[in-house]
Amino acid sequence: MPANDTADALGETYVGLPVADIVTAEFVRDFGNRWETAWNSHDTEQVMALIHPDIRWNDTIFWPEIIHGHAAMRAYIDKIWAVMPDVHFREVQLFSAVDAGRALYLFEQTSSAPPASGRETKATTYGCDIFLGFRGGLLSDYMAQYEIADMMRQFGMLPPREGRVGGAYLLSLTGSKGR
């Protein structure tokens, strides 16, 4: 079944806003370059300049709920700079499905531990920014996927996996005896 036909628990389509723009490979490549430059600038306004006012932003790995609109988006971006003031992104590869108006930006992320942690460690992890739609040349629908548990282990904020597989590691953090 196409993603546009699949409703989530809120009654929204999984992809969210309709894809209104026809994108080209050149547009996606240019957008990926501007995306990396904006995030590495640590300037909220540069990032916001790439985001549609009616953005649907799904990064529930970091944020407690799906974000809708510029006001909530600004708070999210400012929180990233506060928690990871030296975060740096490097493109590993940009994949695109121009006929569907979508792209996937695979990245390497490097950051120091959050200042509030008092730790002087760095972490390097991988993830992807999934561009699910564009309107007016701006990103209108987004989903994040990245490894936060490994990042926290590298910061020394979580114990080693010690061979635990799958959810058993996460269950072990709660005191459960998952295998």
Foldseek 3Di string as FASTA:
>chain_A
DDQQPDADPVRAGPQHDDADDQDDPVLQVVLLVQCQVQLQVLDLVSNVVQADQQAFEADCVPDVGTDGGDVSVSVVSVVCCQQFVNKHKDFPDKADDSRQAKIKTKIKIKTAGGVVVVFGFMDIWIWIKIQRHDDPSHRRGIHIDIDPVRRCVRSVNAPDQVPDDDCCSVCVVVVDRRD
